[in-house]
Each structure stands twice: as C-alpha cells, then as structure tokens.
Amino acid sequence: MTFFESDISDCPVELSLRVINRKWVIQIIRDMFFGKKRFSEFKDGKPDLSNKALSRCLKFMEDEGLISKNFDEEKNFSYYLLTDKGRSLNRLIYDLVNLLWIMMMIQPILVKKQRFMQRKFLEKNWDWIEIE
C-alpha cells in the first residue's frame, strides 16, 4: 500500500505536499535532477543524513513510484533513476525556486515600506521614540 492509498485526505495538494515534504525527499529529487544516482552520492553534503534514514527515504520514494532502483551488472553497482512520475516534479521544483526569487526580491521592499509606515505612525503619535 502506497502513501496515497493509505491516506484519508481528499485534497490532492495536501497529499502531494505530504509526499515531497517528507524529510530528505525533495533534496534527493533535486540531486537526481543534477545527475546523482548512487547511494553514496546522495550523502555528499548532507552530514545529518544517516545510512538508515537514506535507505528508508529511498525505499519510500521507490514505493511511491518516484524512483526506480537499478543494477549495473557490468560495473557491479546499484543506482537510482527518476521515473516519469519523479521527473514530473521538475516543473514544481522550478516553480518553487522562482517563487523564492520573487519573495527575496519583494522582501526588501516590504521591509522598507514597513519601516516607513512605522516612522510615519510614530512621528504622528510619539515623536520622542526613535527608530533606526
């Protein structure tokens, strides 16, 4: 039984976010888009990721149909590939990165506006309080 089959929620957005929001899933998918395929490669740059946690996460992703485990008999090692379902997350990840860039550009504007409004309010009501 997969995660989707066992959940009682009807909201497809909530179900989707529960799958990709599981610890390490989005980082592993991102790494796979950048060409990482092997167990040891997924651990690079993630000191908090234990072998046991990585194994569980990869198994979960395999059960959900996001990745497939393959074996190269010639080189004698196993590797993981994104399935069509896993590759379909490419657009979502791209859109999330774009959203982050938009929010990073808007944030300084909002902070400046908030400080301006605070100054105007304080000037009007408490002219003795200073704001940096």
N, C-alpha and C. Protein backbone atom coordinates (compact mmCIF):
# COMPACT_ATOMS: atom_id res chain seq x y z
N MET A 1 0.85 -1.17 0.00
CA MET A 1 0.00 0.00 0.00
C MET A 1 0.90 1.24 0.00
N THR A 2 0.62 2.17 -0.92
CA THR A 2 1.42 3.38 -1.00
C THR A 2 0.87 4.44 -0.06
N PHE A 3 1.62 5.50 0.06
CA PHE A 3 1.24 6.62 0.91
C PHE A 3 -0.12 7.16 0.50
N PHE A 4 -0.34 7.30 -0.82
CA PHE A 4 -1.59 7.86 -1.32
C PHE A 4 -2.78 6.96 -0.99
N GLU A 5 -2.59 5.65 -1.08
CA GLU A 5 -3.68 4.72 -0.82
C GLU A 5 -4.05 4.67 0.65
N SER A 6 -3.10 4.95 1.54
CA SER A 6 -3.35 4.81 2.97
C SER A 6 -3.89 6.08 3.60
N ASP A 7 -3.84 7.21 2.91
CA ASP A 7 -4.27 8.47 3.49
C ASP A 7 -5.75 8.70 3.24
N ILE A 8 -6.41 9.33 4.20
CA ILE A 8 -7.85 9.55 4.06
C ILE A 8 -8.19 10.95 3.53
N SER A 9 -7.20 11.82 3.38
CA SER A 9 -7.48 13.17 2.90
C SER A 9 -7.90 13.16 1.44
N ASP A 10 -8.80 14.06 1.08
CA ASP A 10 -9.26 14.16 -0.30
C ASP A 10 -8.52 15.24 -1.08
N CYS A 11 -7.75 16.08 -0.42
CA CYS A 11 -7.11 17.21 -1.07
C CYS A 11 -5.83 16.77 -1.79
N PRO A 12 -5.80 16.86 -3.12
CA PRO A 12 -4.62 16.42 -3.86
C PRO A 12 -3.38 17.28 -3.58
N VAL A 13 -3.59 18.56 -3.28
CA VAL A 13 -2.45 19.43 -2.96
C VAL A 13 -1.81 18.97 -1.65
N GLU A 14 -2.64 18.72 -0.65
CA GLU A 14 -2.14 18.27 0.65
C GLU A 14 -1.41 16.94 0.52
N LEU A 15 -1.98 16.01 -0.22
CA LEU A 15 -1.34 14.70 -0.40
C LEU A 15 0.00 14.84 -1.10
N SER A 16 0.06 15.64 -2.14
CA SER A 16 1.31 15.84 -2.88
C SER A 16 2.37 16.46 -1.99
N LEU A 17 1.98 17.47 -1.24
CA LEU A 17 2.95 18.13 -0.36
C LEU A 17 3.43 17.22 0.75
N ARG A 18 2.56 16.33 1.23
CA ARG A 18 2.99 15.38 2.26
C ARG A 18 4.07 14.44 1.74
N VAL A 19 3.97 14.06 0.48
CA VAL A 19 4.98 13.15 -0.10
C VAL A 19 6.31 13.88 -0.28
N ILE A 20 6.29 15.04 -0.94
CA ILE A 20 7.57 15.70 -1.22
C ILE A 20 8.13 16.43 -0.01
N ASN A 21 7.29 16.68 1.00
CA ASN A 21 7.77 17.37 2.19
C ASN A 21 8.38 16.40 3.21
N ARG A 22 8.28 15.13 2.96
CA ARG A 22 8.91 14.14 3.86
C ARG A 22 10.41 14.40 3.87
N LYS A 23 11.02 14.27 5.03
CA LYS A 23 12.42 14.62 5.20
C LYS A 23 13.30 13.96 4.15
N TRP A 24 14.13 14.74 3.52
CA TRP A 24 15.14 14.36 2.53
C TRP A 24 14.60 14.12 1.12
N VAL A 25 13.31 13.97 0.94
CA VAL A 25 12.77 13.62 -0.39
C VAL A 25 13.11 14.69 -1.41
N ILE A 26 12.80 15.94 -1.12
CA ILE A 26 13.00 16.99 -2.11
C ILE A 26 14.49 17.18 -2.42
N GLN A 27 15.35 17.01 -1.40
CA GLN A 27 16.79 17.14 -1.64
C GLN A 27 17.31 16.02 -2.53
N ILE A 28 16.82 14.82 -2.34
CA ILE A 28 17.26 13.69 -3.16
C ILE A 28 16.76 13.85 -4.59
N ILE A 29 15.51 14.28 -4.75
CA ILE A 29 14.99 14.51 -6.10
C ILE A 29 15.80 15.59 -6.79
N ARG A 30 16.08 16.66 -6.08
CA ARG A 30 16.90 17.74 -6.64
C ARG A 30 18.27 17.21 -7.07
N ASP A 31 18.89 16.42 -6.20
CA ASP A 31 20.20 15.83 -6.53
C ASP A 31 20.12 14.95 -7.77
N MET A 32 19.02 14.22 -7.91
CA MET A 32 18.87 13.35 -9.07
C MET A 32 18.72 14.16 -10.36
N PHE A 33 18.08 15.33 -10.27
CA PHE A 33 17.99 16.20 -11.45
C PHE A 33 19.38 16.70 -11.85
N PHE A 34 20.29 16.79 -10.88
CA PHE A 34 21.64 17.23 -11.17
C PHE A 34 22.59 16.06 -11.43
N GLY A 35 22.06 14.85 -11.61
CA GLY A 35 22.86 13.73 -12.07
C GLY A 35 23.31 12.73 -11.03
N LYS A 36 23.00 12.94 -9.77
CA LYS A 36 23.40 11.97 -8.76
C LYS A 36 22.51 10.74 -8.87
N LYS A 37 23.14 9.56 -8.74
CA LYS A 37 22.39 8.32 -8.92
C LYS A 37 22.68 7.28 -7.83
N ARG A 38 23.83 7.36 -7.23
CA ARG A 38 24.25 6.30 -6.31
C ARG A 38 24.02 6.69 -4.86
N PHE A 39 23.87 5.68 -4.02
CA PHE A 39 23.60 5.85 -2.59
C PHE A 39 24.60 6.81 -1.96
N SER A 40 25.89 6.58 -2.20
CA SER A 40 26.94 7.41 -1.59
C SER A 40 26.89 8.85 -2.07
N GLU A 41 26.45 9.07 -3.31
CA GLU A 41 26.37 10.42 -3.84
C GLU A 41 25.29 11.25 -3.15
N PHE A 42 24.22 10.58 -2.73
CA PHE A 42 23.15 11.30 -2.04
C PHE A 42 23.60 11.80 -0.68
N LYS A 43 24.56 11.15 -0.07
CA LYS A 43 25.05 11.54 1.25
C LYS A 43 26.00 12.73 1.19
N ASP A 44 26.58 12.99 0.03
CA ASP A 44 27.52 14.11 -0.12
C ASP A 44 26.86 15.42 0.26
N GLY A 45 27.49 16.15 1.17
CA GLY A 45 26.97 17.45 1.58
C GLY A 45 25.80 17.39 2.55
N LYS A 46 25.48 16.21 3.04
CA LYS A 46 24.38 16.06 4.00
C LYS A 46 24.87 15.28 5.22
N PRO A 47 25.64 15.91 6.08
CA PRO A 47 26.21 15.19 7.24
C PRO A 47 25.16 14.65 8.20
N ASP A 48 23.98 15.25 8.23
CA ASP A 48 22.92 14.79 9.14
C ASP A 48 22.15 13.59 8.60
N LEU A 49 22.40 13.21 7.36
CA LEU A 49 21.67 12.10 6.74
C LEU A 49 22.40 10.78 7.02
N SER A 50 21.78 9.94 7.84
CA SER A 50 22.37 8.65 8.16
C SER A 50 22.06 7.64 7.06
N ASN A 51 22.84 6.55 7.03
CA ASN A 51 22.58 5.49 6.05
C ASN A 51 21.18 4.91 6.21
N LYS A 52 20.76 4.74 7.46
CA LYS A 52 19.44 4.17 7.73
C LYS A 52 18.33 5.09 7.23
N ALA A 53 18.46 6.39 7.51
CA ALA A 53 17.45 7.36 7.06
C ALA A 53 17.42 7.43 5.54
N LEU A 54 18.59 7.40 4.91
CA LEU A 54 18.65 7.45 3.46
C LEU A 54 18.01 6.20 2.85
N SER A 55 18.29 5.04 3.42
CA SER A 55 17.69 3.80 2.93
C SER A 55 16.17 3.85 3.03
N ARG A 56 15.67 4.33 4.16
CA ARG A 56 14.22 4.43 4.35
C ARG A 56 13.60 5.40 3.34
N CYS A 57 14.26 6.53 3.15
CA CYS A 57 13.75 7.54 2.23
C CYS A 57 13.72 7.01 0.79
N LEU A 58 14.81 6.37 0.38
CA LEU A 58 14.87 5.81 -0.97
C LEU A 58 13.80 4.73 -1.16
N LYS A 59 13.58 3.91 -0.14
CA LYS A 59 12.56 2.88 -0.20
C LYS A 59 11.17 3.51 -0.31
N PHE A 60 10.92 4.55 0.48
CA PHE A 60 9.65 5.27 0.42
C PHE A 60 9.43 5.84 -0.98
N MET A 61 10.46 6.47 -1.54
CA MET A 61 10.35 7.08 -2.87
C MET A 61 10.13 6.01 -3.94
N GLU A 62 10.76 4.87 -3.75
CA GLU A 62 10.58 3.75 -4.68
C GLU A 62 9.15 3.22 -4.59
N ASP A 63 8.63 3.06 -3.37
CA ASP A 63 7.27 2.58 -3.18
C ASP A 63 6.24 3.54 -3.77
N GLU A 64 6.53 4.84 -3.72
CA GLU A 64 5.62 5.84 -4.27
C GLU A 64 5.76 5.99 -5.78
N GLY A 65 6.74 5.32 -6.36
CA GLY A 65 6.91 5.37 -7.81
C GLY A 65 7.66 6.58 -8.32
N LEU A 66 8.37 7.27 -7.41
CA LEU A 66 9.14 8.45 -7.83
C LEU A 66 10.50 8.06 -8.41
N ILE A 67 11.06 6.96 -7.93
CA ILE A 67 12.36 6.50 -8.40
C ILE A 67 12.32 4.99 -8.64
N SER A 68 13.31 4.51 -9.36
CA SER A 68 13.46 3.06 -9.52
C SER A 68 14.91 2.70 -9.21
N LYS A 69 15.08 1.54 -8.59
CA LYS A 69 16.42 1.06 -8.28
C LYS A 69 16.84 0.11 -9.38
N ASN A 70 18.04 0.32 -9.90
CA ASN A 70 18.56 -0.49 -10.99
C ASN A 70 19.94 -1.03 -10.61
N PHE A 71 20.37 -2.05 -11.32
CA PHE A 71 21.68 -2.65 -11.04
C PHE A 71 22.47 -2.75 -12.33
N ASP A 72 23.69 -2.24 -12.31
CA ASP A 72 24.60 -2.33 -13.45
C ASP A 72 25.49 -3.55 -13.24
N GLU A 73 25.19 -4.62 -13.96
CA GLU A 73 25.95 -5.87 -13.78
C GLU A 73 27.38 -5.74 -14.25
N GLU A 74 27.60 -4.94 -15.27
CA GLU A 74 28.95 -4.77 -15.81
C GLU A 74 29.88 -4.10 -14.79
N LYS A 75 29.39 -3.04 -14.15
CA LYS A 75 30.19 -2.31 -13.17
C LYS A 75 29.93 -2.77 -11.74
N ASN A 76 28.94 -3.64 -11.56
CA ASN A 76 28.62 -4.25 -10.28
C ASN A 76 28.24 -3.23 -9.19
N PHE A 77 27.30 -2.36 -9.51
CA PHE A 77 26.77 -1.45 -8.50
C PHE A 77 25.32 -1.11 -8.82
N SER A 78 24.60 -0.69 -7.78
CA SER A 78 23.21 -0.29 -7.99
C SER A 78 23.14 1.23 -8.06
N TYR A 79 22.10 1.71 -8.72
CA TYR A 79 21.89 3.14 -8.87
C TYR A 79 20.40 3.41 -8.96
N TYR A 80 20.04 4.65 -8.78
CA TYR A 80 18.64 5.05 -8.77
C TYR A 80 18.37 6.01 -9.93
N LEU A 81 17.19 5.89 -10.51
CA LEU A 81 16.75 6.80 -11.57
C LEU A 81 15.36 7.33 -11.26
N LEU A 82 15.10 8.55 -11.68
CA LEU A 82 13.76 9.10 -11.54
C LEU A 82 12.84 8.41 -12.54
N THR A 83 11.66 8.08 -12.11
CA THR A 83 10.64 7.55 -13.02
C THR A 83 9.96 8.75 -13.70
N ASP A 84 9.03 8.47 -14.58
CA ASP A 84 8.26 9.56 -15.21
C ASP A 84 7.55 10.39 -14.13
N LYS A 85 7.03 9.71 -13.15
CA LYS A 85 6.35 10.38 -12.04
C LYS A 85 7.32 11.30 -11.29
N GLY A 86 8.52 10.81 -11.05
CA GLY A 86 9.54 11.61 -10.37
C GLY A 86 10.00 12.78 -11.21
N ARG A 87 10.19 12.54 -12.52
CA ARG A 87 10.61 13.62 -13.42
C ARG A 87 9.55 14.71 -13.54
N SER A 88 8.30 14.34 -13.32
CA SER A 88 7.23 15.34 -13.42
C SER A 88 7.36 16.41 -12.33
N LEU A 89 8.13 16.14 -11.28
CA LEU A 89 8.33 17.12 -10.21
C LEU A 89 9.29 18.23 -10.63
N ASN A 90 9.94 18.08 -11.77
CA ASN A 90 10.89 19.08 -12.24
C ASN A 90 10.24 20.46 -12.33
N ARG A 91 9.06 20.52 -12.90
CA ARG A 91 8.37 21.80 -13.07
C ARG A 91 8.01 22.40 -11.71
N LEU A 92 7.58 21.56 -10.78
CA LEU A 92 7.22 22.04 -9.45
C LEU A 92 8.44 22.64 -8.75
N ILE A 93 9.56 21.94 -8.82
CA ILE A 93 10.78 22.44 -8.18
C ILE A 93 11.21 23.75 -8.83
N TYR A 94 11.14 23.80 -10.14
CA TYR A 94 11.48 25.03 -10.87
C TYR A 94 10.59 26.18 -10.40
N ASP A 95 9.29 25.94 -10.29
CA ASP A 95 8.36 26.98 -9.85
C ASP A 95 8.61 27.40 -8.40
N LEU A 96 8.98 26.46 -7.54
CA LEU A 96 9.30 26.80 -6.15
C LEU A 96 10.54 27.69 -6.08
N VAL A 97 11.54 27.39 -6.91
CA VAL A 97 12.75 28.23 -6.95
C VAL A 97 12.39 29.63 -7.44
N ASN A 98 11.57 29.71 -8.47
CA ASN A 98 11.13 31.03 -8.96
C ASN A 98 10.37 31.80 -7.89
N LEU A 99 9.52 31.11 -7.16
CA LEU A 99 8.78 31.75 -6.08
C LEU A 99 9.74 32.31 -5.03
N LEU A 100 10.77 31.55 -4.70
CA LEU A 100 11.76 32.01 -3.74
C LEU A 100 12.44 33.29 -4.23
N TRP A 101 12.83 33.31 -5.50
CA TRP A 101 13.47 34.51 -6.06
C TRP A 101 12.53 35.70 -6.00
N ILE A 102 11.28 35.49 -6.33
CA ILE A 102 10.30 36.59 -6.27
C ILE A 102 10.17 37.09 -4.84
N MET A 103 10.08 36.17 -3.89
CA MET A 103 9.92 36.57 -2.48
C MET A 103 11.16 37.28 -1.97
N MET A 104 12.33 36.85 -2.43
CA MET A 104 13.57 37.51 -2.00
C MET A 104 13.64 38.93 -2.55
N MET A 105 13.11 39.15 -3.74
CA MET A 105 13.12 40.49 -4.32
C MET A 105 12.06 41.37 -3.67
N ILE A 106 10.94 40.81 -3.29
CA ILE A 106 9.85 41.58 -2.68
C ILE A 106 10.15 41.89 -1.21
N GLN A 107 10.81 41.00 -0.52
CA GLN A 107 11.05 41.15 0.91
C GLN A 107 11.69 42.49 1.28
N PRO A 108 12.79 42.90 0.61
CA PRO A 108 13.37 44.20 0.99
C PRO A 108 12.40 45.36 0.78
N ILE A 109 11.56 45.28 -0.23
CA ILE A 109 10.58 46.33 -0.48
C ILE A 109 9.56 46.39 0.65
N LEU A 110 9.10 45.20 1.10
CA LEU A 110 8.12 45.16 2.19
C LEU A 110 8.72 45.67 3.49
N VAL A 111 9.99 45.33 3.75
CA VAL A 111 10.65 45.78 4.97
C VAL A 111 10.79 47.30 4.94
N LYS A 112 11.19 47.86 3.79
CA LYS A 112 11.33 49.32 3.68
C LYS A 112 9.98 50.00 3.89
N LYS A 113 8.93 49.44 3.29
CA LYS A 113 7.59 50.02 3.44
C LYS A 113 7.14 49.95 4.89
N GLN A 114 7.41 48.83 5.55
CA GLN A 114 7.01 48.67 6.95
C GLN A 114 7.74 49.70 7.82
N ARG A 115 9.03 49.87 7.60
CA ARG A 115 9.78 50.85 8.39
C ARG A 115 9.27 52.27 8.13
N PHE A 116 8.95 52.57 6.88
CA PHE A 116 8.41 53.88 6.54
C PHE A 116 7.10 54.12 7.28
N MET A 117 6.22 53.10 7.26
CA MET A 117 4.92 53.22 7.94
C MET A 117 5.11 53.37 9.45
N GLN A 118 6.07 52.64 10.02
CA GLN A 118 6.34 52.76 11.45
C GLN A 118 6.79 54.18 11.79
N ARG A 119 7.67 54.71 10.98
CA ARG A 119 8.16 56.07 11.22
C ARG A 119 7.02 57.08 11.16
N LYS A 120 6.18 56.96 10.13
CA LYS A 120 5.06 57.88 9.98
C LYS A 120 4.11 57.79 11.18
N PHE A 121 3.82 56.57 11.61
CA PHE A 121 2.94 56.38 12.75
C PHE A 121 3.55 56.98 14.01
N LEU A 122 4.83 56.71 14.24
CA LEU A 122 5.47 57.19 15.45
C LEU A 122 5.64 58.71 15.43
N GLU A 123 5.93 59.25 14.27
CA GLU A 123 6.06 60.71 14.17
C GLU A 123 4.74 61.38 14.54
N LYS A 124 3.68 60.75 14.11
CA LYS A 124 2.35 61.31 14.35
C LYS A 124 1.93 61.15 15.81
N ASN A 125 2.28 60.02 16.42
CA ASN A 125 1.77 59.70 17.75
C ASN A 125 2.78 59.84 18.89
N TRP A 126 4.00 59.44 18.65
CA TRP A 126 5.03 59.52 19.69
C TRP A 126 6.31 60.07 19.09
N ASP A 127 6.43 61.32 19.02
CA ASP A 127 7.58 61.91 18.35
C ASP A 127 8.87 61.76 19.14
N TRP A 128 8.80 61.27 20.36
CA TRP A 128 10.00 61.10 21.17
C TRP A 128 10.66 59.73 21.00
N ILE A 129 10.01 58.74 20.29
CA ILE A 129 10.57 57.41 20.09
C ILE A 129 11.39 57.40 18.81
N GLU A 130 12.60 56.86 18.87
CA GLU A 130 13.47 56.80 17.71
C GLU A 130 13.48 55.39 17.11
N ILE A 131 13.50 55.33 15.79
CA ILE A 131 13.62 54.06 15.07
C ILE A 131 14.88 54.13 14.24
N GLU A 132 15.62 53.05 14.23
CA GLU A 132 16.85 53.01 13.43
C GLU A 132 16.56 53.14 11.97
